[in-house]
Amino acid sequence: MRLLTDNLQLSGQGSLQLQLYQLLQHQMLQGLWPNGALLPSSRQLAADLKLSRNTVNQVLQQLVAEGYIEGQPGRGYQIIAVPEQYFQPEPARVLTLNHYDLPQKQGMVTGLLQPGVPALQQFPYALWQRLLSRHSSREQLSGFAEPLGYLPLRQALAVYLRQSRQVVCDEHSILITAGAQQALFIAAKLVAKAGQQVLMETPGYPRLKQALQLCELQVQHLDASSASGLDIKTLPDKTEAKALFLTPGHQYPLGGIMPLANRLAVLQWARQHNCWLVEDDYDSEFQYQHRPVASLQGLAGGEGVLFAGSCSKTLFPALRLGYLVAPKAVIAQAASILQALHGDVPLLPQAALADFISEGHFGRHLRKMRRYYQQQKQFAAQLLQQNLPQCRLYALDAGLHLVLEFPERLDDVSLQQQLAAQGIKAQPLSRYLFNAEPRSGLVLGIGHNTVAQLTNALAALITLCRNTLQG
């Protein structure tokens, strides 16, 4: 049986070739044309639908390639049988998936008091553009990167980390990643398998918790709410944990700095339990009362500790360059995980960052920004202490944020939503707590906004908090 097509109409949406393809495909998938039937000749199809024969022939060849029709010598094109069960309706199926909200940090940074954002207006963009332009025409940067990343960047980072954080490393023990989050994810894949247990701090970094859950790890939490960060008394005497993730240089978000005695105790505990330590060097560059403290990794002599860091907070978030320092026995495995997850990290920004560090621009920028952030933090802290004396402030001496804790249990999520309606993107403290005693407050970013913006945003926040506390 040869089909008739004079009653068919194109949709008018898209190219003529696409319209014809979709029309014929629809007829076959809906069972409107019987299996084994012959299509009209290309000449007839072109005449019926007022198309060129070239357009018709291209569509027919596409349908042949996709298995809808097949050519019959001397007869034309015949419809291939579509399995009968395709046309039989099935009961609706409900797929059960873990629920995740769409991340909110998209596009340009425009919010007030948004944590984790540096002073973008202070970055030397003209200098950065010159460094990018210097390398943009280099043919060798148009190919694939070395497995560990761009060698000059690894060499520059090794010098910086040895000098500033006493990290035991060289260019062969550093893996360049697409940000600290990826470095932490790779560390998680490196130290534990699905179903195994790991430990992390509470309060802690919500995106780290997400990464560990995505690796299907069993996450247990240790209290880190004191001024010295992780409470070493909570380290379990017996554990099957494969790793402990921690922020000893500047606990996130409360800002505690782990003293030397506690660091040594953590190292001894990890050795006794054959447990990896994963050191997240969050915000440690920005210490305002003293130099950045020596890394846990350095105290361990580079063994048994993975050290993760990033340039997102020191430079700008869109740079998306981080690093993982690992013992040489496992660095190749870490690189293999990166290749499986992401492939190469773009070379051009790596080359620019290598020059930015090795030519001294990075060090000068850090010194400038320490002074700037210290002034911002002192201004914000003074304003909050004067107007909300009943609240407690944390993370005063380091980092790009403050934590404002309320004296009583309030709905900090509701407060955050009310502030968001005014363009203020402070985050509720309760979101950083995992299986811990309830606390409420706000995490306030002080890095990105000008003094005028800080003043206005904090005034709105103070008014709302006063009304809520008095109500």
Protein backbone atom coordinates (compact mmCIF):
# COMPACT_ATOMS: atom_id res chain seq x y z
CA MET A 1 0.00 0.00 0.00
CA ARG A 2 1.31 3.40 -0.98
CA LEU A 3 0.35 6.26 1.35
CA LEU A 4 -1.32 9.51 0.39
CA THR A 5 0.13 12.75 1.70
CA ASP A 6 -1.96 15.43 0.04
CA ASN A 7 -3.87 16.07 3.28
CA LEU A 8 -0.76 16.68 5.41
CA GLN A 9 0.29 20.16 6.51
CA LEU A 10 3.60 21.51 7.71
CA SER A 11 3.66 23.22 11.11
CA GLY A 12 5.21 26.48 9.96
CA GLN A 13 7.72 26.34 12.85
CA GLY A 14 11.42 26.04 11.98
CA SER A 15 13.11 25.25 8.68
CA LEU A 16 11.21 23.39 5.95
CA GLN A 17 13.53 20.43 6.38
CA LEU A 18 12.84 20.27 10.13
CA GLN A 19 9.08 20.68 9.61
CA LEU A 20 8.94 17.80 7.13
CA TYR A 21 11.07 15.57 9.35
CA GLN A 22 8.86 16.21 12.38
CA LEU A 23 5.69 15.67 10.33
CA LEU A 24 6.73 12.28 8.94
CA GLN A 25 8.20 11.17 12.27
CA HIS A 26 4.93 12.04 14.03
CA GLN A 27 2.87 10.01 11.56
CA MET A 28 5.01 6.94 12.19
CA LEU A 29 5.46 7.20 15.97
CA GLN A 30 1.74 7.76 16.52
CA GLY A 31 0.85 4.71 14.44
CA LEU A 32 -1.06 6.82 11.93
CA TRP A 33 0.70 5.06 9.07
CA PRO A 34 0.72 1.25 9.04
CA ASN A 35 3.95 -0.69 9.29
CA GLY A 36 5.27 -1.82 5.94
CA ALA A 37 3.44 0.87 3.96
CA LEU A 38 5.28 2.62 1.15
CA LEU A 39 5.87 6.34 1.21
CA PRO A 40 5.04 8.33 -1.92
CA SER A 41 7.97 9.06 -4.19
CA SER A 42 10.14 12.03 -3.38
CA ARG A 43 8.71 13.77 -6.46
CA GLN A 44 5.14 13.24 -5.19
CA LEU A 45 5.98 14.34 -1.65
CA ALA A 46 7.61 17.49 -2.97
CA ALA A 47 4.58 18.29 -5.13
CA ASP A 48 2.01 17.60 -2.38
CA LEU A 49 3.83 19.70 0.22
CA LYS A 50 5.22 22.33 -2.17
CA LEU A 51 8.84 21.60 -1.27
CA SER A 52 11.99 21.11 -3.29
CA ARG A 53 13.00 17.51 -4.03
CA ASN A 54 16.38 18.22 -2.43
CA THR A 55 14.68 19.06 0.89
CA VAL A 56 12.53 15.93 0.68
CA ASN A 57 15.49 13.69 -0.16
CA GLN A 58 17.53 15.03 2.77
CA VAL A 59 14.66 14.26 5.17
CA LEU A 60 14.19 10.76 3.75
CA GLN A 61 17.89 10.04 4.18
CA GLN A 62 17.70 11.21 7.80
CA LEU A 63 14.72 8.92 8.47
CA VAL A 64 16.64 6.02 6.94
CA ALA A 65 19.64 6.77 9.16
CA GLU A 66 17.43 6.80 12.27
CA GLY A 67 15.68 3.55 11.36
CA TYR A 68 12.16 4.81 10.64
CA ILE A 69 12.15 3.77 6.98
CA GLU A 70 14.23 1.65 4.62
CA GLY A 71 14.82 1.84 0.90
CA GLN A 72 13.24 -0.84 -1.32
CA PRO A 73 14.96 -1.07 -4.73
CA GLY A 74 12.49 -0.18 -7.46
CA ARG A 75 9.69 0.55 -4.96
CA GLY A 76 10.79 3.55 -2.87
CA TYR A 77 10.81 3.85 0.92
CA GLN A 78 8.96 1.49 3.25
CA ILE A 79 7.99 2.17 6.89
CA ILE A 80 9.84 -0.09 9.34
CA ALA A 81 7.70 -1.75 12.01
CA VAL A 82 7.59 0.18 15.29
CA PRO A 83 7.24 -2.24 18.27
CA GLU A 84 3.55 -2.60 19.12
CA GLN A 85 4.12 -1.99 22.83
CA TYR A 86 5.31 1.51 21.97
CA PHE A 87 1.69 2.45 21.26
CA GLN A 88 0.28 0.81 24.42
CA PRO A 89 -0.26 3.32 27.25
CA GLU A 90 1.61 2.53 30.46
CA PRO A 91 0.62 3.58 33.98
CA ALA A 92 2.35 6.73 35.12
CA ARG A 93 5.61 6.05 36.92
CA VAL A 94 6.91 8.15 39.77
CA LEU A 95 10.70 8.38 39.91
CA THR A 96 12.02 8.97 43.42
CA LEU A 97 15.04 11.26 43.44
CA ASN A 98 16.77 13.24 46.14
CA HIS A 99 15.43 16.80 46.20
CA TYR A 100 17.87 19.63 45.64
CA ASP A 101 16.99 23.29 45.36
CA LEU A 102 18.46 25.18 42.42
CA PRO A 103 21.61 27.00 43.59
CA GLN A 104 20.98 30.70 44.09
CA LYS A 105 24.43 32.13 43.29
CA GLN A 106 23.95 32.80 39.60
CA GLY A 107 25.22 35.60 37.39
CA MET A 108 26.70 38.85 38.69
CA VAL A 109 27.10 39.41 42.41
CA THR A 110 24.59 42.10 43.32
CA GLY A 111 23.43 41.16 46.82
CA LEU A 112 24.29 42.96 50.03
CA LEU A 113 26.04 41.10 52.88
CA GLN A 114 26.45 37.98 50.71
CA PRO A 115 28.96 35.59 52.32
CA GLY A 116 31.89 34.21 50.39
CA VAL A 117 32.31 37.10 47.94
CA PRO A 118 35.51 39.20 47.85
CA ALA A 119 35.69 42.91 47.04
CA LEU A 120 35.34 42.57 43.29
CA GLN A 121 35.62 46.33 42.79
CA GLN A 122 39.15 46.21 44.25
CA PHE A 123 40.55 43.64 41.83
CA PRO A 124 43.13 44.87 39.23
CA TYR A 125 41.17 43.89 36.12
CA ALA A 126 43.37 45.81 33.67
CA LEU A 127 46.45 43.96 34.91
CA TRP A 128 44.62 40.64 34.72
CA GLN A 129 43.54 41.35 31.16
CA ARG A 130 47.14 42.08 30.17
CA LEU A 131 48.23 38.75 31.62
CA LEU A 132 45.48 36.93 29.75
CA SER A 133 46.39 38.73 26.52
CA ARG A 134 50.04 37.81 26.98
CA HIS A 135 49.14 34.12 26.70
CA SER A 136 46.05 34.18 24.47
CA SER A 137 47.99 33.65 21.23
CA ARG A 138 50.26 30.87 22.53
CA GLU A 139 49.59 27.74 20.52
CA GLN A 140 50.70 25.42 23.31
CA LEU A 141 47.86 26.73 25.50
CA SER A 142 45.30 25.68 22.89
CA GLY A 143 45.75 21.97 23.51
CA PHE A 144 45.41 19.74 26.54
CA ALA A 145 46.84 20.42 29.97
CA GLU A 146 49.25 18.18 31.82
CA PRO A 147 47.42 15.74 34.12
CA LEU A 148 48.25 17.77 37.24
CA GLY A 149 47.69 21.17 35.62
CA TYR A 150 49.83 23.94 34.13
CA LEU A 151 53.39 23.40 35.38
CA PRO A 152 54.37 27.08 35.96
CA LEU A 153 51.22 27.55 38.06
CA ARG A 154 52.00 24.50 40.17
CA GLN A 155 55.54 25.78 40.65
CA ALA A 156 54.31 29.24 41.68
CA LEU A 157 51.71 27.78 44.07
CA ALA A 158 54.30 25.48 45.62
CA VAL A 159 56.53 28.45 46.48
CA TYR A 160 53.59 30.46 47.84
CA LEU A 161 52.16 27.61 49.95
CA ARG A 162 55.56 26.70 51.40
CA GLN A 163 56.26 30.30 52.40
CA SER A 164 52.82 31.39 53.60
CA ARG A 165 51.31 28.21 55.05
CA GLN A 166 54.35 25.95 55.61
CA VAL A 167 52.76 23.34 53.34
CA VAL A 168 55.11 20.48 52.45
CA CYS A 169 54.80 20.35 48.67
CA ASP A 170 56.38 20.80 45.28
CA GLU A 171 54.99 21.02 41.76
CA HIS A 172 54.59 17.24 41.63
CA SER A 173 52.24 17.07 44.62
CA ILE A 174 49.76 19.77 43.52
CA LEU A 175 46.68 19.11 41.40
CA ILE A 176 44.98 22.13 39.79
CA THR A 177 41.19 21.92 40.05
CA ALA A 178 38.15 23.96 39.02
CA GLY A 179 37.78 25.52 42.46
CA ALA A 180 37.99 24.36 46.07
CA GLN A 181 34.64 22.58 45.89
CA GLN A 182 35.98 20.27 43.19
CA ALA A 183 39.16 19.74 45.20
CA LEU A 184 37.08 18.64 48.20
CA PHE A 185 34.96 16.36 46.01
CA ILE A 186 38.09 14.72 44.59
CA ALA A 187 39.45 14.32 48.12
CA ALA A 188 36.23 12.60 49.17
CA LYS A 189 36.43 10.19 46.22
CA LEU A 190 40.08 9.57 47.01
CA VAL A 191 39.77 8.68 50.69
CA ALA A 192 36.50 6.72 50.92
CA LYS A 193 34.17 4.48 48.96
CA ALA A 194 30.38 4.61 48.83
CA GLY A 195 28.85 3.51 52.11
CA GLN A 196 31.95 4.23 54.19
CA GLN A 197 31.99 6.76 57.01
CA VAL A 198 33.62 10.20 57.11
CA LEU A 199 33.61 12.95 59.73
CA MET A 200 33.05 16.69 59.34
CA GLU A 201 32.53 19.74 61.53
CA THR A 202 29.26 21.21 62.74
CA PRO A 203 28.60 24.01 62.14
CA GLY A 204 30.24 23.49 58.81
CA TYR A 205 30.22 24.10 55.09
CA PRO A 206 26.86 23.03 53.56
CA ARG A 207 28.35 22.42 50.10
CA LEU A 208 30.91 20.05 51.59
CA LYS A 209 28.05 18.10 53.15
CA GLN A 210 26.37 17.95 49.72
CA ALA A 211 29.57 16.70 48.09
CA LEU A 212 30.01 13.96 50.68
CA GLN A 213 26.40 12.86 50.27
CA LEU A 214 26.79 12.86 46.50
CA CYS A 215 29.70 10.44 47.00
CA GLU A 216 27.24 8.27 48.97
CA LEU A 217 29.31 8.52 52.14
CA GLN A 218 27.96 8.17 55.67
CA VAL A 219 28.60 11.55 57.31
CA GLN A 220 29.06 11.93 61.07
CA HIS A 221 29.48 15.35 62.68
CA LEU A 222 31.85 16.66 65.33
CA ASP A 223 31.27 19.82 67.35
CA ALA A 224 33.33 22.81 66.19
CA SER A 225 31.51 25.64 67.94
CA SER A 226 34.24 26.73 70.35
CA ALA A 227 36.76 29.53 69.91
CA SER A 228 39.39 26.89 69.13
CA GLY A 229 37.40 25.26 66.36
CA LEU A 230 36.96 21.50 66.40
CA ASP A 231 36.44 20.13 69.91
CA ILE A 232 39.05 17.37 70.12
CA LYS A 233 37.11 15.78 73.01
CA THR A 234 34.50 14.74 70.45
CA LEU A 235 37.01 12.69 68.44
CA PRO A 236 35.73 9.11 68.78
CA ASP A 237 37.86 6.55 70.64
CA LYS A 238 36.74 3.90 68.17
CA THR A 239 35.77 4.71 64.62
CA GLU A 240 35.58 3.25 61.15
CA ALA A 241 35.78 6.71 59.59
CA LYS A 242 38.07 6.94 56.58
CA ALA A 243 38.59 10.71 56.78
CA LEU A 244 38.00 13.82 58.86
CA PHE A 245 37.23 17.03 56.94
CA LEU A 246 38.12 20.14 58.95
CA THR A 247 39.02 23.85 58.76
CA PRO A 248 41.76 24.28 61.40
CA GLY A 249 43.16 27.56 60.06
CA HIS A 250 39.83 29.42 60.20
CA GLN A 251 36.79 27.36 61.16
CA TYR A 252 33.86 27.97 58.87
CA PRO A 253 31.62 29.72 59.70
CA LEU A 254 32.38 30.57 63.38
CA GLY A 255 36.01 31.53 62.79
CA GLY A 256 37.76 29.50 65.49
CA ILE A 257 41.49 28.87 65.05
CA MET A 258 42.76 25.50 66.27
CA PRO A 259 45.68 25.92 68.71
CA LEU A 260 48.88 23.95 68.26
CA ALA A 261 48.16 21.45 71.04
CA ASN A 262 44.83 20.56 69.45
CA ARG A 263 46.41 20.25 66.01
CA LEU A 264 48.98 17.81 67.32
CA ALA A 265 46.23 15.87 69.10
CA VAL A 266 44.24 15.60 65.87
CA LEU A 267 47.30 14.37 64.00
CA GLN A 268 48.00 11.74 66.66
CA TRP A 269 44.35 10.61 66.64
CA ALA A 270 44.37 10.32 62.83
CA ARG A 271 47.54 8.21 62.87
CA GLN A 272 46.14 5.91 65.55
CA HIS A 273 42.94 5.33 63.60
CA ASN A 274 44.49 5.22 60.12
CA CYS A 275 42.20 8.10 59.16
CA TRP A 276 42.90 10.69 56.47
CA LEU A 277 42.67 14.38 57.33
CA VAL A 278 41.29 16.71 54.66
CA GLU A 279 42.29 20.29 55.47
CA ASP A 280 40.09 22.94 53.88
CA ASP A 281 42.17 26.13 53.92
CA TYR A 282 39.10 28.36 53.86
CA ASP A 283 39.84 32.10 54.19
CA SER A 284 43.11 31.44 56.02
CA GLU A 285 44.92 34.12 53.98
CA PHE A 286 42.90 36.84 55.71
CA GLN A 287 44.09 36.86 59.33
CA TYR A 288 44.02 40.33 60.89
CA GLN A 289 45.76 39.87 64.25
CA HIS A 290 48.72 37.73 63.13
CA ARG A 291 50.19 35.88 60.18
CA PRO A 292 48.22 32.92 58.80
CA VAL A 293 48.87 29.93 61.06
CA ALA A 294 50.93 26.99 59.85
CA SER A 295 48.98 24.31 58.06
CA LEU A 296 48.05 20.99 59.62
CA GLN A 297 49.52 19.39 56.50
CA GLY A 298 52.89 20.97 57.23
CA LEU A 299 52.89 19.75 60.83
CA ALA A 300 52.22 16.26 59.50
CA GLY A 301 55.20 16.44 57.17
CA GLY A 302 52.91 16.18 54.17
CA GLU A 303 51.72 12.65 54.96
CA GLY A 304 48.19 11.59 55.81
CA VAL A 305 46.72 15.02 55.05
CA LEU A 306 45.09 16.37 51.90
CA PHE A 307 45.21 20.18 51.64
CA ALA A 308 42.51 21.95 49.59
CA GLY A 309 42.46 25.62 48.67
CA SER A 310 41.19 28.12 46.12
CA CYS A 311 41.77 31.54 44.64
CA SER A 312 38.05 32.37 44.50
CA LYS A 313 38.02 34.31 47.78
CA THR A 314 41.36 36.01 47.23
CA LEU A 315 40.69 37.11 43.63
CA PHE A 316 37.20 36.60 42.15
CA PRO A 317 34.68 33.72 42.15
CA ALA A 318 34.44 33.30 38.38
CA LEU A 319 38.13 32.37 38.19
CA ARG A 320 37.21 28.85 39.35
CA LEU A 321 40.77 27.75 40.04
CA GLY A 322 41.63 25.70 43.09
CA TYR A 323 44.18 23.12 44.09
CA LEU A 324 44.59 19.92 46.04
CA VAL A 325 47.93 19.10 47.66
CA ALA A 326 48.29 15.35 48.15
CA PRO A 327 51.08 12.90 49.01
CA LYS A 328 52.86 11.71 45.89
CA ALA A 329 51.65 8.16 46.54
CA VAL A 330 48.06 9.22 45.74
CA ILE A 331 48.45 12.32 43.52
CA ALA A 332 48.16 10.26 40.32
CA GLN A 333 44.92 8.74 41.55
CA ALA A 334 43.60 12.22 42.35
CA ALA A 335 44.46 13.32 38.80
CA SER A 336 42.62 10.30 37.40
CA ILE A 337 39.51 11.24 39.39
CA LEU A 338 39.71 14.79 38.01
CA GLN A 339 39.96 13.50 34.44
CA ALA A 340 36.92 11.27 34.95
CA LEU A 341 34.88 14.07 36.51
CA HIS A 342 35.86 17.12 34.54
CA GLY A 343 38.72 16.65 32.13
CA ASP A 344 41.25 19.45 31.82
CA VAL A 345 40.96 22.71 33.73
CA PRO A 346 41.21 25.61 31.19
CA LEU A 347 44.83 26.54 30.54
CA LEU A 348 44.60 30.27 29.78
CA PRO A 349 43.52 31.40 33.28
CA GLN A 350 46.09 29.01 34.76
CA ALA A 351 48.84 30.73 32.78
CA ALA A 352 47.63 34.20 33.81
CA LEU A 353 47.44 33.17 37.47
CA ALA A 354 50.94 31.69 37.32
CA ASP A 355 52.31 35.07 36.22
CA PHE A 356 50.09 36.93 38.72
CA ILE A 357 51.68 34.94 41.55
CA SER A 358 55.28 34.69 40.33
CA GLU A 359 55.56 38.39 39.41
CA GLY A 360 54.47 39.47 42.90
CA HIS A 361 51.02 40.83 42.03
CA PHE A 362 49.28 38.19 44.16
CA GLY A 363 51.25 39.05 47.30
CA ARG A 364 50.65 42.79 46.85
CA HIS A 365 46.94 42.21 46.27
CA LEU A 366 46.67 40.08 49.42
CA ARG A 367 48.40 42.71 51.57
CA LYS A 368 46.11 45.42 50.21
CA MET A 369 42.99 43.34 50.73
CA ARG A 370 43.90 42.35 54.30
CA ARG A 371 43.92 46.03 55.24
CA TYR A 372 40.70 46.65 53.34
CA TYR A 373 38.79 43.71 54.82
CA GLN A 374 40.03 44.47 58.33
CA GLN A 375 38.60 47.98 58.05
CA GLN A 376 35.33 46.62 56.65
CA LYS A 377 35.04 44.07 59.44
CA GLN A 378 35.86 46.56 62.20
CA PHE A 379 33.26 48.98 60.84
CA ALA A 380 30.55 46.33 60.60
CA ALA A 381 31.35 44.82 64.00
CA GLN A 382 31.26 48.20 65.74
CA LEU A 383 27.90 49.04 64.18
CA LEU A 384 26.39 45.70 65.20
CA GLN A 385 27.81 45.76 68.74
CA GLN A 386 26.48 49.27 69.34
CA ASN A 387 22.99 48.54 68.06
CA LEU A 388 22.49 44.86 68.94
CA PRO A 389 24.45 44.44 72.20
CA GLN A 390 22.34 41.44 73.18
CA CYS A 391 23.67 39.48 70.17
CA ARG A 392 27.03 37.76 69.96
CA LEU A 393 29.55 38.16 67.13
CA TYR A 394 31.87 35.46 65.81
CA ALA A 395 34.68 35.37 63.21
CA LEU A 396 35.95 38.82 64.18
CA ASP A 397 39.66 38.28 63.57
CA ALA A 398 39.77 36.62 60.17
CA GLY A 399 37.89 36.00 56.95
CA LEU A 400 35.35 37.85 54.83
CA HIS A 401 32.28 37.35 57.02
CA LEU A 402 30.83 37.84 60.47
CA VAL A 403 28.40 35.61 62.35
CA LEU A 404 25.66 37.36 64.31
CA GLU A 405 24.11 34.95 66.84
CA PHE A 406 20.79 35.79 68.48
CA PRO A 407 20.37 35.48 72.27
CA GLU A 408 17.27 33.34 71.84
CA ARG A 409 15.99 30.79 69.37
CA LEU A 410 14.50 32.74 66.47
CA ASP A 411 13.40 31.65 63.02
CA ASP A 412 16.52 32.80 61.21
CA VAL A 413 15.27 31.35 57.91
CA SER A 414 12.24 33.65 58.07
CA LEU A 415 14.51 36.59 58.91
CA GLN A 416 16.74 35.74 55.96
CA GLN A 417 13.73 35.67 53.64
CA GLN A 418 12.61 39.09 54.86
CA LEU A 419 16.09 40.48 54.32
CA ALA A 420 16.29 38.90 50.86
CA ALA A 421 13.19 40.87 49.87
CA GLN A 422 15.32 43.99 50.48
CA GLY A 423 18.24 42.69 48.43
CA ILE A 424 20.22 41.54 51.49
CA LYS A 425 21.68 38.05 51.05
CA ALA A 426 22.82 37.19 54.55
CA GLN A 427 22.46 33.47 55.29
CA PRO A 428 20.74 31.80 58.28
CA LEU A 429 23.17 30.22 60.74
CA SER A 430 20.84 27.24 61.19
CA ARG A 431 21.69 26.05 57.65
CA TYR A 432 25.29 25.46 58.74
CA LEU A 433 24.30 23.19 61.64
CA PHE A 434 24.14 19.42 61.24
CA ASN A 435 22.75 17.27 64.05
CA ALA A 436 23.80 19.92 66.55
CA GLU A 437 22.19 21.90 69.33
CA PRO A 438 19.83 24.46 67.74
CA ARG A 439 21.25 27.94 67.33
CA SER A 440 20.00 30.86 65.30
CA GLY A 441 21.71 33.81 63.74
CA LEU A 442 22.93 35.23 60.46
CA VAL A 443 26.15 34.81 58.47
CA LEU A 444 27.04 38.22 57.02
CA GLY A 445 29.46 38.81 54.16
CA ILE A 446 31.47 42.01 54.59
CA GLY A 447 33.86 41.76 51.65
CA HIS A 448 31.99 42.80 48.55
CA ASN A 449 30.06 45.90 49.59
CA THR A 450 31.26 49.48 49.96
CA VAL A 451 31.04 51.29 53.30
CA ALA A 452 27.89 53.07 52.12
CA GLN A 453 26.30 49.80 51.07
CA LEU A 454 27.34 48.16 54.34
CA THR A 455 25.84 51.04 56.31
CA ASN A 456 22.48 50.83 54.56
CA ALA A 457 22.30 47.04 54.63
CA LEU A 458 23.26 46.80 58.30
CA ALA A 459 20.75 49.52 59.21
CA ALA A 460 17.97 47.48 57.60
CA LEU A 461 19.20 44.31 59.29
CA ILE A 462 19.45 45.98 62.70
CA THR A 463 15.91 47.35 62.43
CA LEU A 464 14.49 43.96 61.52
CA CYS A 465 16.42 42.15 64.26
CA ARG A 466 15.41 44.69 66.90
CA ASN A 467 11.74 44.40 65.99
CA THR A 468 11.93 40.60 65.99
CA LEU A 469 13.76 40.40 69.32
CA GLN A 470 11.38 42.87 70.97
CA GLY A 471 8.31 41.19 69.49
